[in-house]
C-alpha atoms as a PDB file:
ATOM      1  CA  MET A   1       5.734  -9.729 -18.844  1.00  0.00           C
ATOM      2  CA  THR A   2       7.204  -7.741 -16.340  1.00  0.00           C
ATOM      3  CA  ILE A   3       6.202  -4.087 -15.432  1.00  0.00           C
ATOM      4  CA  ASP A   4       9.342  -1.686 -14.282  1.00  0.00           C
ATOM      5  CA  THR A   5       6.760   0.587 -11.685  1.00  0.00           C
ATOM      6  CA  ILE A   6       3.462  -0.679 -10.593  1.00  0.00           C
ATOM      7  CA  THR A   7       1.285   2.518 -10.625  1.00  0.00           C
ATOM      8  CA  GLY A   8      -1.910   0.993 -10.340  1.00  0.00           C
ATOM      9  CA  LYS A   9      -2.969   2.862 -14.099  1.00  0.00           C
ATOM     10  CA  ASN A  10      -0.884  -0.272 -15.767  1.00  0.00           C
ATOM     11  CA  SER A  11      -2.490  -2.601 -17.940  1.00  0.00           C
ATOM     12  CA  VAL A  12      -2.829  -6.228 -16.742  1.00  0.00           C
ATOM     13  CA  ILE A  13      -3.329  -8.108 -19.904  1.00  0.00           C
ATOM     14  CA  GLY A  14      -0.394 -10.274 -20.242  1.00  0.00           C
ATOM     15  CA  LEU A  15       0.448 -10.355 -17.062  1.00  0.00           C
ATOM     16  CA  SER A  16       1.058 -12.740 -14.587  1.00  0.00           C
ATOM     17  CA  ASP A  17      -1.385 -13.351 -11.390  1.00  0.00           C
ATOM     18  CA  PRO A  18       0.695 -12.627  -8.995  1.00  0.00           C
ATOM     19  CA  LEU A  19       1.566  -9.083 -11.245  1.00  0.00           C
ATOM     20  CA  LYS A  20      -1.957  -8.591 -11.773  1.00  0.00           C
ATOM     21  CA  ALA A  21      -2.731  -8.991  -8.010  1.00  0.00           C
ATOM     22  CA  LEU A  22      -0.089  -6.708  -6.910  1.00  0.00           C
ATOM     23  CA  VAL A  23      -1.333  -3.969  -9.942  1.00  0.00           C
ATOM     24  CA  GLU A  24      -5.078  -4.322  -8.221  1.00  0.00           C
ATOM     25  CA  PHE A  25      -3.706  -3.185  -4.926  1.00  0.00           C
ATOM     26  CA  TYR A  26      -2.108  -0.334  -6.450  1.00  0.00           C
ATOM     27  CA  THR A  27      -5.114   0.637  -8.204  1.00  0.00           C
ATOM     28  CA  GLY A  28      -7.237   0.543  -5.064  1.00  0.00           C
ATOM     29  CA  PHE A  29      -4.669   2.416  -3.059  1.00  0.00           C
ATOM     30  CA  ASN A  30      -3.993   5.101  -5.407  1.00  0.00           C
ATOM     31  CA  ALA A  31      -7.908   5.745  -5.817  1.00  0.00           C
ATOM     32  CA  ARG A  32      -8.036   5.948  -2.493  1.00  0.00           C
ATOM     33  CA  ASP A  33     -10.932   3.148  -2.457  1.00  0.00           C
ATOM     34  CA  VAL A  34     -10.456   0.970   0.475  1.00  0.00           C
ATOM     35  CA  ASP A  35     -13.039  -1.508  -0.440  1.00  0.00           C
ATOM     36  CA  LYS A  36     -11.105  -2.498  -3.365  1.00  0.00           C
ATOM     37  CA  CYS A  37      -7.955  -2.112  -1.403  1.00  0.00           C
ATOM     38  CA  MET A  38      -9.696  -4.991   1.062  1.00  0.00           C
ATOM     39  CA  GLN A  39     -10.798  -7.139  -2.058  1.00  0.00           C
ATOM     40  CA  ASN A  40      -7.111  -7.609  -2.598  1.00  0.00           C
ATOM     41  CA  TRP A  41      -6.359  -8.762   1.346  1.00  0.00           C
ATOM     42  CA  ALA A  42      -7.310 -11.966   2.333  1.00  0.00           C
ATOM     43  CA  ASN A  43     -10.382 -11.348   4.889  1.00  0.00           C
ATOM     44  CA  ARG A  44      -8.975 -13.533   8.133  1.00  0.00           C
ATOM     45  CA  ASN A  45      -7.978 -12.497  11.589  1.00  0.00           C
ATOM     46  CA  ASP A  46      -4.301 -13.378  11.119  1.00  0.00           C
ATOM     47  CA  VAL A  47      -3.455 -10.955   8.257  1.00  0.00           C
ATOM     48  CA  ILE A  48      -1.157  -8.424   8.944  1.00  0.00           C
ATOM     49  CA  MET A  49       0.233  -4.971   7.935  1.00  0.00           C
ATOM     50  CA  CYS A  50       3.170  -2.852   9.538  1.00  0.00           C
ATOM     51  CA  ASN A  51       3.974   0.505   8.068  1.00  0.00           C
ATOM     52  CA  PRO A  52       4.679   4.014   8.720  1.00  0.00           C
ATOM     53  CA  ILE A  53       1.404   5.550   9.878  1.00  0.00           C
ATOM     54  CA  GLY A  54      -0.718   2.262  10.568  1.00  0.00           C
ATOM     55  CA  GLY A  55       2.161   0.351  13.162  1.00  0.00           C
ATOM     56  CA  ILE A  56       1.061  -3.486  13.249  1.00  0.00           C
ATOM     57  CA  ARG A  57      -2.517  -4.301  12.382  1.00  0.00           C
ATOM     58  CA  ILE A  58      -3.229  -7.711  12.857  1.00  0.00           C
ATOM     59  CA  GLY A  59      -6.963  -8.819  11.333  1.00  0.00           C
ATOM     60  CA  SER A  60      -8.786  -7.207   8.230  1.00  0.00           C
ATOM     61  CA  GLU A  61     -10.961  -5.183  10.427  1.00  0.00           C
ATOM     62  CA  GLU A  62      -7.650  -3.628  11.914  1.00  0.00           C
ATOM     63  CA  ILE A  63      -6.195  -3.093   8.213  1.00  0.00           C
ATOM     64  CA  THR A  64      -9.766  -1.758   7.082  1.00  0.00           C
ATOM     65  CA  GLN A  65      -9.372   1.051   9.943  1.00  0.00           C
ATOM     66  CA  ALA A  66      -5.812   1.705   8.973  1.00  0.00           C
ATOM     67  CA  TYR A  67      -6.746   2.367   4.980  1.00  0.00           C
ATOM     68  CA  GLN A  68      -9.855   4.407   6.269  1.00  0.00           C
ATOM     69  CA  ARG A  69      -7.894   6.888   7.874  1.00  0.00           C
ATOM     70  CA  ILE A  70      -5.284   7.161   5.200  1.00  0.00           C
ATOM     71  CA  MET A  71      -7.729   7.346   2.457  1.00  0.00           C
ATOM     72  CA  GLN A  72     -10.396   9.047   3.650  1.00  0.00           C
ATOM     73  CA  GLY A  73      -8.791  12.101   5.398  1.00  0.00           C
ATOM     74  CA  ASP A  74      -7.740  15.627   3.936  1.00  0.00           C
ATOM     75  CA  THR A  75      -4.287  14.178   2.855  1.00  0.00           C
ATOM     76  CA  GLN A  76      -3.923  12.072  -0.340  1.00  0.00           C
ATOM     77  CA  VAL A  77      -0.943   9.644  -0.523  1.00  0.00           C
ATOM     78  CA  TYR A  78       0.151   8.365  -3.330  1.00  0.00           C
ATOM     79  CA  VAL A  79       2.583   5.643  -4.045  1.00  0.00           C
ATOM     80  CA  GLU A  80       4.264   3.179  -6.637  1.00  0.00           C
ATOM     81  CA  PHE A  81       6.292  -0.017  -6.703  1.00  0.00           C
ATOM     82  CA  TYR A  82       9.692  -0.338  -8.372  1.00  0.00           C
ATOM     83  CA  ASP A  83      12.950  -1.859  -7.909  1.00  0.00           C
ATOM     84  CA  TYR A  84      11.039  -4.827  -6.562  1.00  0.00           C
ATOM     85  CA  HIS A  85      11.539  -8.745  -7.237  1.00  0.00           C
ATOM     86  CA  LEU A  86       8.790 -11.348  -7.118  1.00  0.00           C
ATOM     87  CA  PHE A  87       9.318 -14.731  -5.981  1.00  0.00           C
ATOM     88  CA  GLU A  88       6.569 -17.440  -6.389  1.00  0.00           C
ATOM     89  CA  CYS A  89       6.238 -20.634  -4.610  1.00  0.00           C
ATOM     90  CA  THR A  90       3.326 -22.981  -5.320  1.00  0.00           C
ATOM     91  CA  ASP A  91       0.738 -21.222  -3.040  1.00  0.00           C
ATOM     92  CA  VAL A  92       2.463 -18.277  -1.852  1.00  0.00           C
ATOM     93  CA  PHE A  93       4.543 -15.235  -3.595  1.00  0.00           C
ATOM     94  CA  TYR A  94       6.085 -12.014  -2.164  1.00  0.00           C
ATOM     95  CA  ALA A  95       7.311  -9.003  -3.767  1.00  0.00           C
ATOM     96  CA  VAL A  96      10.091  -7.323  -2.182  1.00  0.00           C
ATOM     97  CA  GLY A  97      11.342  -3.503  -3.341  1.00  0.00           C
ATOM     98  CA  ARG A  98      10.590   0.030  -2.898  1.00  0.00           C
ATOM     99  CA  GLU A  99       7.453   2.570  -3.008  1.00  0.00           C
ATOM    100  CA  ARG A 100       8.064   6.228  -3.739  1.00  0.00           C
ATOM    101  CA  GLY A 101       5.571   8.908  -3.650  1.00  0.00           C
ATOM    102  CA  TYR A 102       3.896  11.858  -1.879  1.00  0.00           C
ATOM    103  CA  ALA A 103       1.540  12.628   0.503  1.00  0.00           C
ATOM    104  CA  LYS A 104      -0.351  16.188  -0.381  1.00  0.00           C
ATOM    105  CA  ASN A 105      -2.510  17.966   1.562  1.00  0.00           C
ATOM    106  CA  ASP A 106      -4.896  20.532   0.140  1.00  0.00           C
ATOM    107  CA  ASN A 107      -6.717  22.505   2.253  1.00  0.00           C
ATOM    108  CA  ARG A 108      -8.261  26.068   2.061  1.00  0.00           C
ATOM    109  CA  LEU A 109      -5.080  27.813   4.094  1.00  0.00           C
ATOM    110  CA  ASN A 110      -2.387  26.109   2.377  1.00  0.00           C
ATOM    111  CA  GLN A 111      -0.886  23.370   0.156  1.00  0.00           C
ATOM    112  CA  LYS A 112       1.949  20.857   1.232  1.00  0.00           C
ATOM    113  CA  GLN A 113       3.702  17.908   0.093  1.00  0.00           C
ATOM    114  CA  ILE A 114       6.292  15.810   1.250  1.00  0.00           C
ATOM    115  CA  ASP A 115       7.826  13.100  -1.000  1.00  0.00           C
ATOM    116  CA  LEU A 116       7.939   9.011   0.406  1.00  0.00           C
ATOM    117  CA  SER A 117      10.488   6.549   0.203  1.00  0.00           C
ATOM    118  CA  ILE A 118       9.123   3.518   1.612  1.00  0.00           C
ATOM    119  CA  ARG A 119      10.874  -0.266   1.553  1.00  0.00           C
ATOM    120  CA  THR A 120       8.070  -2.285   1.214  1.00  0.00           C
ATOM    121  CA  SER A 121       7.548  -6.318   0.932  1.00  0.00           C
ATOM    122  CA  ARG A 122       3.912  -7.587   0.502  1.00  0.00           C
ATOM    123  CA  ILE A 123       2.899 -11.306   0.764  1.00  0.00           C
ATOM    124  CA  PHE A 124       0.078 -13.052  -1.216  1.00  0.00           C
ATOM    125  CA  GLN A 125      -1.039 -16.670  -0.581  1.00  0.00           C
ATOM    126  CA  ARG A 126      -3.194 -18.489  -3.164  1.00  0.00           C
ATOM    127  CA  ILE A 127      -6.642 -18.652  -1.587  1.00  0.00           C
ATOM    128  CA  ASN A 128      -9.475 -20.552  -3.456  1.00  0.00           C
ATOM    129  CA  GLY A 129      -7.573 -20.171  -6.717  1.00  0.00           C
ATOM    130  CA  ILE A 130      -7.355 -16.319  -6.285  1.00  0.00           C
ATOM    131  CA  TRP A 131      -4.128 -14.292  -4.898  1.00  0.00           C
ATOM    132  CA  GLN A 132      -5.041 -12.276  -1.639  1.00  0.00           C
ATOM    133  CA  GLN A 133      -2.642 -10.467   0.356  1.00  0.00           C
ATOM    134  CA  VAL A 134      -1.909 -11.890   4.059  1.00  0.00           C
ATOM    135  CA  HIS A 135       1.039  -9.408   4.668  1.00  0.00           C
ATOM    136  CA  HIS A 136       2.422  -6.298   4.329  1.00  0.00           C
ATOM    137  CA  HIS A 137       5.530  -4.591   5.638  1.00  0.00           C
ATOM    138  CA  GLY A 138       6.837  -0.885   4.583  1.00  0.00           C
ATOM    139  CA  SER A 139       9.310   1.019   6.498  1.00  0.00           C
ATOM    140  CA  MET A 140      11.241   4.262   5.972  1.00  0.00           C
ATOM    141  CA  ASP A 141      15.105   4.101   5.776  1.00  0.00           C
ATOM    142  CA  ASP A 142      15.276   8.024   6.826  1.00  0.00           C
ATOM    143  CA  PRO A 143      13.628   8.689  10.650  1.00  0.00           C
ATOM    144  CA  GLU A 144      12.974  12.206   9.762  1.00  0.00           C
ATOM    145  CA  LEU A 145      11.127  11.877   6.754  1.00  0.00           C
ATOM    146  CA  LEU A 146       9.177   9.338   9.049  1.00  0.00           C
ATOM    147  CA  ASN A 147       8.587  11.930  11.704  1.00  0.00           C
ATOM    148  CA  GLN A 148       7.534  14.264   9.052  1.00  0.00           C
ATOM    149  CA  TYR A 149       5.090  11.869   7.436  1.00  0.00           C
ATOM    150  CA  GLN A 150       3.632  11.043  10.467  1.00  0.00           C
ATOM    151  CA  ALA A 151       3.025  14.459  11.775  1.00  0.00           C
ATOM    152  CA  PHE A 152       1.670  15.654   8.616  1.00  0.00           C
ATOM    153  CA  LEU A 153      -1.140  12.955   8.457  1.00  0.00           C
ATOM    154  CA  LEU A 154      -1.942  13.701  12.054  1.00  0.00           C
ATOM    155  CA  LYS A 155      -1.849  17.064  11.096  1.00  0.00           C
ATOM    156  CA  GLY A 156      -4.055  16.788   8.323  1.00  0.00           C
ATOM    157  CA  ASP A 157      -6.275  14.679  10.181  1.00  0.00           C
ATOM    158  CA  ARG A 158      -7.003  17.647  11.832  1.00  0.00           C
ATOM    159  CA  GLN A 159      -7.713  20.640   9.761  1.00  0.00           C
END
């Protein structure tokens, strides 16, 4: 069984373990649940996340801090994973595709939203029988959108 778009609200019944791991990540991310996201990651010092907001984060502690910044501020970020390909080896799988979604800030003064388009790859390793994320890379094709997104999140943190 496959899923065209992984939103985090997908049923995991009948899915392969790699797809379940991806759904579980997006479930935590879109629920703004830092702990659930970090349960999806290997708790190690050599895991790496490279994304438009967090920059390069190495180790579980730095990745946790990046998610806290994204999820615990005034700005809500929602993404769904689509147009992806999943490649599985014995104890590693990786998923390469696109994310679409939005960043939205509903403060008292005004409401603003920008649409997101991100190229994304995620690498998982089977550790003690459980698929855990060890690498994530996200980038934006449009440099102007990247500038808007970074400014939007920074501004949202200050309001």
